[in-house]
Amino acid sequence: QDEIKGYNDLSLLGDYLTGDLNAFCKKPGQKKHESMIQDVGQTM
């Protein structure tokens, strides 16, 4: 769902590749961009 970046995400992908299909369920929700987003339509 979200881009893979950093050691933790890459580690989860490695776990997924070795058979843990639920590896990314362990990843906390991504909210890092939310407060930074502006109304793109107004500046486009």
PDB file of all heavy atoms in Angstrom:
ATOM      1  N   GLN A   1       0.810  -1.215   0.000  1.00  0.00           N
ATOM      2  CA  GLN A   1       0.000   0.000   0.000  1.00  0.00           C
ATOM      3  C   GLN A   1       0.845   1.267   0.000  1.00  0.00           C
ATOM      4  O   GLN A   1       0.551   2.221  -0.713  1.00  0.00           O
ATOM      5  CB  GLN A   1      -0.932  -0.008   1.221  1.00  0.00           C
ATOM      6  CG  GLN A   1      -1.956  -1.129   1.183  1.00  0.00           C
ATOM      7  CD  GLN A   1      -2.744  -1.221   2.476  1.00  0.00           C
ATOM      8  OE1 GLN A   1      -2.704  -0.318   3.288  1.00  0.00           O
ATOM      9  NE2 GLN A   1      -3.458  -2.320   2.674  1.00  0.00           N
ATOM     10  N   ASP A   2       1.891   1.306   0.815  1.00  0.00           N
ATOM     11  CA  ASP A   2       2.729   2.495   0.887  1.00  0.00           C
ATOM     12  C   ASP A   2       4.127   2.158   0.389  1.00  0.00           C
ATOM     13  O   ASP A   2       4.501   0.983   0.330  1.00  0.00           O
ATOM     14  CB  ASP A   2       2.793   3.008   2.330  1.00  0.00           C
ATOM     15  CG  ASP A   2       3.151   4.490   2.401  1.00  0.00           C
ATOM     16  OD1 ASP A   2       3.355   5.090   1.335  1.00  0.00           O
ATOM     17  OD2 ASP A   2       3.231   5.035   3.520  1.00  0.00           O
ATOM     18  N   GLU A   3       4.924   3.172   0.039  1.00  0.00           N
ATOM     19  CA  GLU A   3       6.253   2.913  -0.491  1.00  0.00           C
ATOM     20  C   GLU A   3       7.149   2.266   0.567  1.00  0.00           C
ATOM     21  O   GLU A   3       7.000   2.499   1.768  1.00  0.00           O
ATOM     22  CB  GLU A   3       6.882   4.193  -1.013  1.00  0.00           C
ATOM     23  CG  GLU A   3       7.147   5.250   0.045  1.00  0.00           C
ATOM     24  CD  GLU A   3       7.807   6.479  -0.529  1.00  0.00           C
ATOM     25  OE1 GLU A   3       8.591   6.333  -1.476  1.00  0.00           O
ATOM     26  OE2 GLU A   3       7.525   7.580  -0.041  1.00  0.00           O
ATOM     27  N   ILE A   4       8.062   1.431   0.098  1.00  0.00           N
ATOM     28  CA  ILE A   4       8.994   0.744   0.982  1.00  0.00           C
ATOM     29  C   ILE A   4      10.261   1.583   1.072  1.00  0.00           C
ATOM     30  O   ILE A   4      10.938   1.827   0.075  1.00  0.00           O
ATOM     31  CB  ILE A   4       9.305  -0.669   0.452  1.00  0.00           C
ATOM     32  CG1 ILE A   4       8.033  -1.517   0.516  1.00  0.00           C
ATOM     33  CG2 ILE A   4      10.430  -1.321   1.246  1.00  0.00           C
ATOM     34  CD1 ILE A   4       8.167  -2.874  -0.129  1.00  0.00           C
ATOM     35  N   LYS A   5      10.600   2.009   2.288  1.00  0.00           N
ATOM     36  CA  LYS A   5      11.757   2.868   2.489  1.00  0.00           C
ATOM     37  C   LYS A   5      12.352   2.612   3.866  1.00  0.00           C
ATOM     38  O   LYS A   5      11.617   2.516   4.853  1.00  0.00           O
ATOM     39  CB  LYS A   5      11.366   4.343   2.353  1.00  0.00           C
ATOM     40  CG  LYS A   5      12.532   5.305   2.529  1.00  0.00           C
ATOM     41  CD  LYS A   5      12.080   6.743   2.408  1.00  0.00           C
ATOM     42  CE  LYS A   5      13.253   7.697   2.629  1.00  0.00           C
ATOM     43  NZ  LYS A   5      12.838   9.111   2.573  1.00  0.00           N
ATOM     44  N   GLY A   6      13.671   2.482   3.915  1.00  0.00           N
ATOM     45  CA  GLY A   6      14.348   2.304   5.187  1.00  0.00           C
ATOM     46  C   GLY A   6      14.544   0.842   5.545  1.00  0.00           C
ATOM     47  O   GLY A   6      13.927  -0.065   4.981  1.00  0.00           O
ATOM     48  N   TYR A   7      15.423   0.625   6.525  1.00  0.00           N
ATOM     49  CA  TYR A   7      15.819  -0.727   6.913  1.00  0.00           C
ATOM     50  C   TYR A   7      14.625  -1.564   7.369  1.00  0.00           C
ATOM     51  O   TYR A   7      14.492  -2.734   6.978  1.00  0.00           O
ATOM     52  CB  TYR A   7      16.871  -0.653   8.033  1.00  0.00           C
ATOM     53  CG  TYR A   7      17.394  -1.997   8.462  1.00  0.00           C
ATOM     54  CD1 TYR A   7      18.483  -2.576   7.820  1.00  0.00           C
ATOM     55  CD2 TYR A   7      16.790  -2.706   9.507  1.00  0.00           C
ATOM     56  CE1 TYR A   7      18.963  -3.822   8.201  1.00  0.00           C
ATOM     57  CE2 TYR A   7      17.256  -3.949   9.901  1.00  0.00           C
ATOM     58  CZ  TYR A   7      18.344  -4.500   9.248  1.00  0.00           C
ATOM     59  OH  TYR A   7      18.803  -5.733   9.620  1.00  0.00           O
ATOM     60  N   ASN A   8      13.730  -0.987   8.184  1.00  0.00           N
ATOM     61  CA  ASN A   8      12.605  -1.770   8.723  1.00  0.00           C
ATOM     62  C   ASN A   8      11.678  -2.268   7.619  1.00  0.00           C
ATOM     63  O   ASN A   8      11.259  -3.432   7.616  1.00  0.00           O
ATOM     64  CB  ASN A   8      11.812  -0.941   9.737  1.00  0.00           C
ATOM     65  CG  ASN A   8      12.547  -0.803  11.058  1.00  0.00           C
ATOM     66  OD1 ASN A   8      13.448  -1.597  11.352  1.00  0.00           O
ATOM     67  ND2 ASN A   8      12.184   0.193  11.852  1.00  0.00           N
ATOM     68  N   ASP A   9      11.339  -1.385   6.684  1.00  0.00           N
ATOM     69  CA  ASP A   9      10.468  -1.784   5.571  1.00  0.00           C
ATOM     70  C   ASP A   9      11.132  -2.870   4.725  1.00  0.00           C
ATOM     71  O   ASP A   9      10.487  -3.844   4.319  1.00  0.00           O
ATOM     72  CB  ASP A   9      10.145  -0.578   4.686  1.00  0.00           C
ATOM     73  CG  ASP A   9       9.122   0.353   5.309  1.00  0.00           C
ATOM     74  OD1 ASP A   9       8.689   0.086   6.448  1.00  0.00           O
ATOM     75  OD2 ASP A   9       8.764   1.358   4.670  1.00  0.00           O
ATOM     76  N   LEU A  10      12.420  -2.690   4.455  1.00  0.00           N
ATOM     77  CA  LEU A  10      13.149  -3.681   3.653  1.00  0.00           C
ATOM     78  C   LEU A  10      13.235  -5.020   4.386  1.00  0.00           C
ATOM     79  O   LEU A  10      13.171  -6.083   3.769  1.00  0.00           O
ATOM     80  CB  LEU A  10      14.546  -3.165   3.317  1.00  0.00           C
ATOM     81  CG  LEU A  10      14.592  -1.957   2.366  1.00  0.00           C
ATOM     82  CD1 LEU A  10      15.993  -1.353   2.330  1.00  0.00           C
ATOM     83  CD2 LEU A  10      14.151  -2.356   0.959  1.00  0.00           C
ATOM     84  N   SER A  11      13.364  -4.957   5.700  1.00  0.00           N
ATOM     85  CA  SER A  11      13.395  -6.179   6.503  1.00  0.00           C
ATOM     86  C   SER A  11      12.058  -6.913   6.428  1.00  0.00           C
ATOM     87  O   SER A  11      12.007  -8.148   6.312  1.00  0.00           O
ATOM     88  CB  SER A  11      13.734  -5.831   7.958  1.00  0.00           C
ATOM     89  OG  SER A  11      13.802  -6.998   8.751  1.00  0.00           O
ATOM     90  N   LEU A  12      10.952  -6.146   6.475  1.00  0.00           N
ATOM     91  CA  LEU A  12       9.615  -6.750   6.357  1.00  0.00           C
ATOM     92  C   LEU A  12       9.432  -7.394   4.982  1.00  0.00           C
ATOM     93  O   LEU A  12       8.851  -8.480   4.870  1.00  0.00           O
ATOM     94  CB  LEU A  12       8.534  -5.687   6.594  1.00  0.00           C
ATOM     95  CG  LEU A  12       8.399  -5.136   8.024  1.00  0.00           C
ATOM     96  CD1 LEU A  12       7.384  -4.008   8.061  1.00  0.00           C
ATOM     97  CD2 LEU A  12       7.995  -6.250   8.994  1.00  0.00           C
ATOM     98  N   LEU A  13       9.929  -6.725   3.936  1.00  0.00           N
ATOM     99  CA  LEU A  13       9.833  -7.300   2.594  1.00  0.00           C
ATOM    100  C   LEU A  13      10.649  -8.585   2.511  1.00  0.00           C
ATOM    101  O   LEU A  13      10.218  -9.560   1.883  1.00  0.00           O
ATOM    102  CB  LEU A  13      10.316  -6.289   1.550  1.00  0.00           C
ATOM    103  CG  LEU A  13      10.322  -6.762   0.095  1.00  0.00           C
ATOM    104  CD1 LEU A  13       8.939  -7.237  -0.339  1.00  0.00           C
ATOM    105  CD2 LEU A  13      10.826  -5.660  -0.841  1.00  0.00           C
ATOM    106  N   GLY A  14      11.811  -8.596   3.140  1.00  0.00           N
ATOM    107  CA  GLY A  14      12.612  -9.820   3.180  1.00  0.00           C
ATOM    108  C   GLY A  14      11.861 -10.954   3.855  1.00  0.00           C
ATOM    109  O   GLY A  14      11.872 -12.097   3.372  1.00  0.00           O
ATOM    110  N   ASP A  15      11.173 -10.638   4.955  1.00  0.00           N
ATOM    111  CA  ASP A  15      10.359 -11.658   5.650  1.00  0.00           C
ATOM    112  C   ASP A  15       9.238 -12.156   4.742  1.00  0.00           C
ATOM    113  O   ASP A  15       8.928 -13.354   4.705  1.00  0.00           O
ATOM    114  CB  ASP A  15       9.772 -11.074   6.933  1.00  0.00           C
ATOM    115  CG  ASP A  15      10.834 -10.744   7.980  1.00  0.00           C
ATOM    116  OD1 ASP A  15      11.953 -11.297   7.870  1.00  0.00           O
ATOM    117  OD2 ASP A  15      10.551  -9.940   8.882  1.00  0.00           O
ATOM    118  N   TYR A  16       8.638 -11.220   4.008  1.00  0.00           N
ATOM    119  CA  TYR A  16       7.560 -11.583   3.077  1.00  0.00           C
ATOM    120  C   TYR A  16       8.080 -12.544   2.009  1.00  0.00           C
ATOM    121  O   TYR A  16       7.438 -13.553   1.688  1.00  0.00           O
ATOM    122  CB  TYR A  16       7.000 -10.310   2.436  1.00  0.00           C
ATOM    123  CG  TYR A  16       5.943 -10.542   1.372  1.00  0.00           C
ATOM    124  CD1 TYR A  16       4.588 -10.549   1.704  1.00  0.00           C
ATOM    125  CD2 TYR A  16       6.299 -10.739   0.039  1.00  0.00           C
ATOM    126  CE1 TYR A  16       3.619 -10.760   0.721  1.00  0.00           C
ATOM    127  CE2 TYR A  16       5.339 -10.954  -0.941  1.00  0.00           C
ATOM    128  CZ  TYR A  16       4.003 -10.955  -0.592  1.00  0.00           C
ATOM    129  OH  TYR A  16       3.056 -11.182  -1.558  1.00  0.00           O
ATOM    130  N   LEU A  17       9.247 -12.244   1.476  1.00  0.00           N
ATOM    131  CA  LEU A  17       9.819 -13.070   0.412  1.00  0.00           C
ATOM    132  C   LEU A  17      10.161 -14.478   0.886  1.00  0.00           C
ATOM    133  O   LEU A  17      10.163 -15.422   0.092  1.00  0.00           O
ATOM    134  CB  LEU A  17      11.075 -12.401  -0.156  1.00  0.00           C
ATOM    135  CG  LEU A  17      10.847 -11.141  -1.003  1.00  0.00           C
ATOM    136  CD1 LEU A  17      12.157 -10.409  -1.258  1.00  0.00           C
ATOM    137  CD2 LEU A  17      10.172 -11.494  -2.326  1.00  0.00           C
ATOM    138  N   THR A  18      10.431 -14.625   2.170  1.00  0.00           N
ATOM    139  CA  THR A  18      10.764 -15.959   2.694  1.00  0.00           C
ATOM    140  C   THR A  18       9.542 -16.719   3.196  1.00  0.00           C
ATOM    141  O   THR A  18       9.674 -17.793   3.776  1.00  0.00           O
ATOM    142  CB  THR A  18      11.797 -15.848   3.833  1.00  0.00           C
ATOM    143  OG1 THR A  18      11.317 -14.959   4.844  1.00  0.00           O
ATOM    144  CG2 THR A  18      13.125 -15.356   3.310  1.00  0.00           C
ATOM    145  N   GLY A  19       8.341 -16.141   2.965  1.00  0.00           N
ATOM    146  CA  GLY A  19       7.133 -16.897   3.254  1.00  0.00           C
ATOM    147  C   GLY A  19       6.176 -16.293   4.248  1.00  0.00           C
ATOM    148  O   GLY A  19       5.058 -16.790   4.426  1.00  0.00           O
ATOM    149  N   ASP A  20       6.552 -15.215   4.925  1.00  0.00           N
ATOM    150  CA  ASP A  20       5.655 -14.576   5.890  1.00  0.00           C
ATOM    151  C   ASP A  20       4.762 -13.589   5.144  1.00  0.00           C
ATOM    152  O   ASP A  20       5.072 -12.410   5.016  1.00  0.00           O
ATOM    153  CB  ASP A  20       6.470 -13.864   6.974  1.00  0.00           C
ATOM    154  CG  ASP A  20       5.576 -13.234   8.051  1.00  0.00           C
ATOM    155  OD1 ASP A  20       4.337 -13.363   7.948  1.00  0.00           O
ATOM    156  OD2 ASP A  20       6.134 -12.615   8.983  1.00  0.00           O
ATOM    157  N   LEU A  21       3.631 -14.076   4.655  1.00  0.00           N
ATOM    158  CA  LEU A  21       2.756 -13.245   3.826  1.00  0.00           C
ATOM    159  C   LEU A  21       2.061 -12.144   4.614  1.00  0.00           C
ATOM    160  O   LEU A  21       1.481 -11.224   4.027  1.00  0.00           O
ATOM    161  CB  LEU A  21       1.706 -14.124   3.132  1.00  0.00           C
ATOM    162  CG  LEU A  21       2.269 -15.231   2.218  1.00  0.00           C
ATOM    163  CD1 LEU A  21       1.134 -15.944   1.486  1.00  0.00           C
ATOM    164  CD2 LEU A  21       3.266 -14.665   1.208  1.00  0.00           C
ATOM    165  N   ASN A  22       2.087 -12.223   5.927  1.00  0.00           N
ATOM    166  CA  ASN A  22       1.469 -11.197   6.768  1.00  0.00           C
ATOM    167  C   ASN A  22       2.507 -10.224   7.322  1.00  0.00           C
ATOM    168  O   ASN A  22       2.227  -9.491   8.269  1.00  0.00           O
ATOM    169  CB  ASN A  22       0.707 -11.852   7.925  1.00  0.00           C
ATOM    170  CG  ASN A  22      -0.448 -12.710   7.429  1.00  0.00           C
ATOM    171  OD1 ASN A  22      -1.212 -12.284   6.564  1.00  0.00           O
ATOM    172  ND2 ASN A  22      -0.565 -13.917   7.956  1.00  0.00           N
ATOM    173  N   ALA A  23       3.704 -10.236   6.736  1.00  0.00           N
ATOM    174  CA  ALA A  23       4.800  -9.418   7.277  1.00  0.00           C
ATOM    175  C   ALA A  23       4.417  -7.945   7.379  1.00  0.00           C
ATOM    176  O   ALA A  23       4.712  -7.283   8.381  1.00  0.00           O
ATOM    177  CB  ALA A  23       6.046  -9.584   6.401  1.00  0.00           C
ATOM    178  N   PHE A  24       3.716  -7.413   6.364  1.00  0.00           N
ATOM    179  CA  PHE A  24       3.431  -5.982   6.356  1.00  0.00           C
ATOM    180  C   PHE A  24       2.269  -5.598   7.269  1.00  0.00           C
ATOM    181  O   PHE A  24       2.015  -4.416   7.485  1.00  0.00           O
ATOM    182  CB  PHE A  24       3.175  -5.503   4.925  1.00  0.00           C
ATOM    183  CG  PHE A  24       4.444  -5.384   4.127  1.00  0.00           C
ATOM    184  CD1 PHE A  24       4.832  -6.393   3.264  1.00  0.00           C
ATOM    185  CD2 PHE A  24       5.270  -4.293   4.275  1.00  0.00           C
ATOM    186  CE1 PHE A  24       6.014  -6.313   2.546  1.00  0.00           C
ATOM    187  CE2 PHE A  24       6.461  -4.188   3.561  1.00  0.00           C
ATOM    188  CZ  PHE A  24       6.839  -5.204   2.698  1.00  0.00           C
ATOM    189  N   CYS A  25       1.584  -6.603   7.826  1.00  0.00           N
ATOM    190  CA  CYS A  25       0.562  -6.301   8.830  1.00  0.00           C
ATOM    191  C   CYS A  25       1.212  -5.774  10.111  1.00  0.00           C
ATOM    192  O   CYS A  25       0.564  -5.132  10.939  1.00  0.00           O
ATOM    193  CB  CYS A  25      -0.268  -7.549   9.146  1.00  0.00           C
ATOM    194  SG  CYS A  25      -1.224  -8.146   7.729  1.00  0.00           S
ATOM    195  N   LYS A  26       2.503  -6.068  10.281  1.00  0.00           N
ATOM    196  CA  LYS A  26       3.236  -5.623  11.481  1.00  0.00           C
ATOM    197  C   LYS A  26       3.633  -4.151  11.367  1.00  0.00           C
ATOM    198  O   LYS A  26       4.068  -3.547  12.341  1.00  0.00           O
ATOM    199  CB  LYS A  26       4.512  -6.460  11.652  1.00  0.00           C
ATOM    200  CG  LYS A  26       4.265  -7.960  11.687  1.00  0.00           C
ATOM    201  CD  LYS A  26       5.585  -8.711  11.529  1.00  0.00           C
ATOM    202  CE  LYS A  26       5.343 -10.203  11.318  1.00  0.00           C
ATOM    203  NZ  LYS A  26       6.601 -10.921  10.995  1.00  0.00           N
ATOM    204  N   LYS A  27       3.511  -3.586  10.158  1.00  0.00           N
ATOM    205  CA  LYS A  27       3.946  -2.208   9.948  1.00  0.00           C
ATOM    206  C   LYS A  27       2.893  -1.242  10.476  1.00  0.00           C
ATOM    207  O   LYS A  27       1.715  -1.345  10.129  1.00  0.00           O
ATOM    208  CB  LYS A  27       4.172  -1.972   8.448  1.00  0.00           C
ATOM    209  CG  LYS A  27       4.721  -0.586   8.123  1.00  0.00           C
ATOM    210  CD  LYS A  27       4.986  -0.464   6.622  1.00  0.00           C
ATOM    211  CE  LYS A  27       5.489   0.925   6.279  1.00  0.00           C
ATOM    212  NZ  LYS A  27       5.771   1.076   4.841  1.00  0.00           N
ATOM    213  N   PRO A  28       3.288  -0.283  11.325  1.00  0.00           N
ATOM    214  CA  PRO A  28       2.314   0.684  11.844  1.00  0.00           C
ATOM    215  C   PRO A  28       1.763   1.563  10.736  1.00  0.00           C
ATOM    216  O   PRO A  28       2.384   1.736   9.686  1.00  0.00           O
ATOM    217  CB  PRO A  28       3.143   1.511  12.844  1.00  0.00           C
ATOM    218  CG  PRO A  28       4.561   1.344  12.392  1.00  0.00           C
ATOM    219  CD  PRO A  28       4.646  -0.039  11.812  1.00  0.00           C
ATOM    220  N   GLY A  29       0.573   2.128  10.956  1.00  0.00           N
ATOM    221  CA  GLY A  29      -0.060   2.993   9.959  1.00  0.00           C
ATOM    222  C   GLY A  29       0.817   4.176   9.604  1.00  0.00           C
ATOM    223  O   GLY A  29       1.506   4.728  10.445  1.00  0.00           O
ATOM    224  N   GLN A  30       0.781   4.551   8.350  1.00  0.00           N
ATOM    225  CA  GLN A  30       1.627   5.640   7.867  1.00  0.00           C
ATOM    226  C   GLN A  30       0.849   6.949   7.908  1.00  0.00           C
ATOM    227  O   GLN A  30      -0.114   7.120   7.178  1.00  0.00           O
ATOM    228  CB  GLN A  30       2.086   5.341   6.435  1.00  0.00           C
ATOM    229  CG  GLN A  30       2.874   4.060   6.307  1.00  0.00           C
ATOM    230  CD  GLN A  30       4.212   4.157   7.012  1.00  0.00           C
ATOM    231  OE1 GLN A  30       4.974   5.079   6.772  1.00  0.00           O
ATOM    232  NE2 GLN A  30       4.502   3.211   7.872  1.00  0.00           N
ATOM    233  N   LYS A  31       1.261   7.869   8.775  1.00  0.00           N
ATOM    234  CA  LYS A  31       0.595   9.171   8.859  1.00  0.00           C
ATOM    235  C   LYS A  31       1.580  10.321   8.714  1.00  0.00           C
ATOM    236  O   LYS A  31       1.276  11.453   8.990  1.00  0.00           O
ATOM    237  CB  LYS A  31      -0.137   9.290  10.197  1.00  0.00           C
ATOM    238  CG  LYS A  31      -1.261   8.271  10.345  1.00  0.00           C
ATOM    239  CD  LYS A  31      -2.027   8.480  11.621  1.00  0.00           C
ATOM    240  CE  LYS A  31      -3.160   7.473  11.751  1.00  0.00           C
ATOM    241  NZ  LYS A  31      -3.939   7.653  12.989  1.00  0.00           N
ATOM    242  N   LYS A  32       2.782   9.992   8.294  1.00  0.00           N
ATOM    243  CA  LYS A  32       3.843  10.988   8.297  1.00  0.00           C
ATOM    244  C   LYS A  32       3.582  12.142   7.325  1.00  0.00           C
ATOM    245  O   LYS A  32       4.063  13.241   7.535  1.00  0.00           O
ATOM    246  CB  LYS A  32       5.184  10.329   7.948  1.00  0.00           C
ATOM    247  CG  LYS A  32       5.182   9.615   6.620  1.00  0.00           C
ATOM    248  CD  LYS A  32       6.489   8.908   6.413  1.00  0.00           C
ATOM    249  CE  LYS A  32       6.454   8.098   5.119  1.00  0.00           C
ATOM    250  NZ  LYS A  32       7.683   7.356   4.904  1.00  0.00           N
ATOM    251  N   HIS A  33       2.831  11.905   6.245  1.00  0.00           N
ATOM    252  CA  HIS A  33       2.626  12.966   5.255  1.00  0.00           C
ATOM    253  C   HIS A  33       1.390  13.814   5.553  1.00  0.00           C
ATOM    254  O   HIS A  33       1.258  14.896   5.052  1.00  0.00           O
ATOM    255  CB  HIS A  33       2.451  12.374   3.851  1.00  0.00           C
ATOM    256  CG  HIS A  33       3.635  11.589   3.387  1.00  0.00           C
ATOM    257  ND1 HIS A  33       4.907  11.967   3.650  1.00  0.00           N
ATOM    258  CD2 HIS A  33       3.697  10.436   2.662  1.00  0.00           C
ATOM    259  CE1 HIS A  33       5.741  11.089   3.114  1.00  0.00           C
ATOM    260  NE2 HIS A  33       5.032  10.161   2.521  1.00  0.00           N
ATOM    261  N   GLU A  34       0.489  13.303   6.402  1.00  0.00           N
ATOM    262  CA  GLU A  34      -0.842  13.870   6.492  1.00  0.00           C
ATOM    263  C   GLU A  34      -0.826  15.349   6.859  1.00  0.00           C
ATOM    264  O   GLU A  34      -1.493  16.175   6.244  1.00  0.00           O
ATOM    265  CB  GLU A  34      -1.659  13.089   7.529  1.00  0.00           C
ATOM    266  CG  GLU A  34      -3.004  12.671   6.983  1.00  0.00           C
ATOM    267  CD  GLU A  34      -3.710  11.734   7.927  1.00  0.00           C
ATOM    268  OE1 GLU A  34      -3.081  10.879   8.544  1.00  0.00           O
ATOM    269  OE2 GLU A  34      -4.936  11.901   8.039  1.00  0.00           O
ATOM    270  N   SER A  35      -0.027  15.713   7.860  1.00  0.00           N
ATOM    271  CA  SER A  35      -0.020  17.086   8.320  1.00  0.00           C
ATOM    272  C   SER A  35       0.676  18.024   7.325  1.00  0.00           C
ATOM    273  O   SER A  35       0.553  19.229   7.422  1.00  0.00           O
ATOM    274  CB  SER A  35       0.702  17.175   9.673  1.00  0.00           C
ATOM    275  OG  SER A  35       2.040  16.754   9.524  1.00  0.00           O
ATOM    276  N   MET A  36       1.391  17.444   6.378  1.00  0.00           N
ATOM    277  CA  MET A  36       2.170  18.258   5.443  1.00  0.00           C
ATOM    278  C   MET A  36       1.416  18.506   4.143  1.00  0.00           C
ATOM    279  O   MET A  36       1.840  19.311   3.317  1.00  0.00           O
ATOM    280  CB  MET A  36       3.503  17.575   5.139  1.00  0.00           C
ATOM    281  CG  MET A  36       4.324  17.275   6.371  1.00  0.00           C
ATOM    282  SD  MET A  36       5.789  16.321   5.978  1.00  0.00           S
ATOM    283  CE  MET A  36       6.768  17.547   5.138  1.00  0.00           C
ATOM    284  N   ILE A  37       0.311  17.797   3.944  1.00  0.00           N
ATOM    285  CA  ILE A  37      -0.401  17.881   2.670  1.00  0.00           C
ATOM    286  C   ILE A  37      -1.240  19.154   2.598  1.00  0.00           C
ATOM    287  O   ILE A  37      -1.974  19.484   3.519  1.00  0.00           O
ATOM    288  CB  ILE A  37      -1.311  16.649   2.473  1.00  0.00           C
ATOM    289  CG1 ILE A  37      -0.443  15.398   2.373  1.00  0.00           C
ATOM    290  CG2 ILE A  37      -2.180  16.809   1.242  1.00  0.00           C
ATOM    291  CD1 ILE A  37      -1.247  14.130   2.374  1.00  0.00           C
ATOM    292  N   GLN A  38      -1.120  19.866   1.493  1.00  0.00           N
ATOM    293  CA  GLN A  38      -1.960  21.025   1.250  1.00  0.00           C
ATOM    294  C   GLN A  38      -2.962  20.676   0.162  1.00  0.00           C
ATOM    295  O   GLN A  38      -2.923  19.603  -0.422  1.00  0.00           O
ATOM    296  CB  GLN A  38      -1.098  22.204   0.803  1.00  0.00           C
ATOM    297  CG  GLN A  38      -0.053  22.610   1.840  1.00  0.00           C
ATOM    298  CD  GLN A  38       0.757  23.790   1.357  1.00  0.00           C
ATOM    299  OE1 GLN A  38       0.394  24.448   0.390  1.00  0.00           O
ATOM    300  NE2 GLN A  38       1.848  24.067   2.036  1.00  0.00           N
ATOM    301  N   ASP A  39      -3.837  21.595  -0.111  1.00  0.00           N
ATOM    302  CA  ASP A  39      -4.799  21.390  -1.190  1.00  0.00           C
ATOM    303  C   ASP A  39      -4.067  21.565  -2.513  1.00  0.00           C
ATOM    304  O   ASP A  39      -3.849  22.674  -2.982  1.00  0.00           O
ATOM    305  CB  ASP A  39      -5.950  22.391  -1.068  1.00  0.00           C
ATOM    306  CG  ASP A  39      -7.030  22.143  -2.112  1.00  0.00           C
ATOM    307  OD1 ASP A  39      -6.827  21.252  -2.972  1.00  0.00           O
ATOM    308  OD2 ASP A  39      -8.059  22.825  -2.069  1.00  0.00           O
ATOM    309  N   VAL A  40      -3.675  20.444  -3.100  1.00  0.00           N
ATOM    310  CA  VAL A  40      -2.877  20.490  -4.323  1.00  0.00           C
ATOM    311  C   VAL A  40      -3.615  21.213  -5.438  1.00  0.00           C
ATOM    312  O   VAL A  40      -3.026  21.943  -6.229  1.00  0.00           O
ATOM    313  CB  VAL A  40      -2.500  19.051  -4.755  1.00  0.00           C
ATOM    314  CG1 VAL A  40      -1.785  19.078  -6.090  1.00  0.00           C
ATOM    315  CG2 VAL A  40      -1.622  18.409  -3.697  1.00  0.00           C
ATOM    316  N   GLY A  41      -4.904  21.047  -5.487  1.00  0.00           N
ATOM    317  CA  GLY A  41      -5.686  21.653  -6.553  1.00  0.00           C
ATOM    318  C   GLY A  41      -5.583  23.175  -6.588  1.00  0.00           C
ATOM    319  O   GLY A  41      -5.659  23.798  -7.632  1.00  0.00           O
ATOM    320  N   GLN A  42      -5.371  23.785  -5.405  1.00  0.00           N
ATOM    321  CA  GLN A  42      -5.298  25.234  -5.354  1.00  0.00           C
ATOM    322  C   GLN A  42      -3.972  25.776  -5.893  1.00  0.00           C
ATOM    323  O   GLN A  42      -3.891  26.917  -6.310  1.00  0.00           O
ATOM    324  CB  GLN A  42      -5.493  25.701  -3.895  1.00  0.00           C
ATOM    325  CG  GLN A  42      -6.868  25.354  -3.341  1.00  0.00           C
ATOM    326  CD  GLN A  42      -7.996  25.928  -4.182  1.00  0.00           C
ATOM    327  OE1 GLN A  42      -7.975  27.107  -4.508  1.00  0.00           O
ATOM    328  NE2 GLN A  42      -8.968  25.105  -4.523  1.00  0.00           N
ATOM    329  N   THR A  43      -2.902  24.961  -5.799  1.00  0.00           N
ATOM    330  CA  THR A  43      -1.591  25.438  -6.235  1.00  0.00           C
ATOM    331  C   THR A  43      -1.182  24.876  -7.581  1.00  0.00           C
ATOM    332  O   THR A  43      -0.165  25.248  -8.124  1.00  0.00           O
ATOM    333  CB  THR A  43      -0.525  25.037  -5.201  1.00  0.00           C
ATOM    334  OG1 THR A  43      -0.544  23.626  -5.034  1.00  0.00           O
ATOM    335  CG2 THR A  43      -0.771  25.706  -3.875  1.00  0.00           C
ATOM    336  N   MET A  44      -1.998  23.995  -8.128  1.00  0.00           N
ATOM    337  CA  MET A  44      -1.634  23.296  -9.352  1.00  0.00           C
ATOM    338  C   MET A  44      -1.731  24.220 -10.561  1.00  0.00           C
ATOM    339  O   MET A  44      -2.763  24.826 -10.810  1.00  0.00           O
ATOM    340  CB  MET A  44      -2.586  22.102  -9.552  1.00  0.00           C
ATOM    341  CG  MET A  44      -2.292  21.279 -10.769  1.00  0.00           C
ATOM    342  SD  MET A  44      -0.790  20.343 -10.532  1.00  0.00           S
ATOM    343  CE  MET A  44      -0.623  19.616 -12.148  1.00  0.00           C
TER     344      MET A  44
END
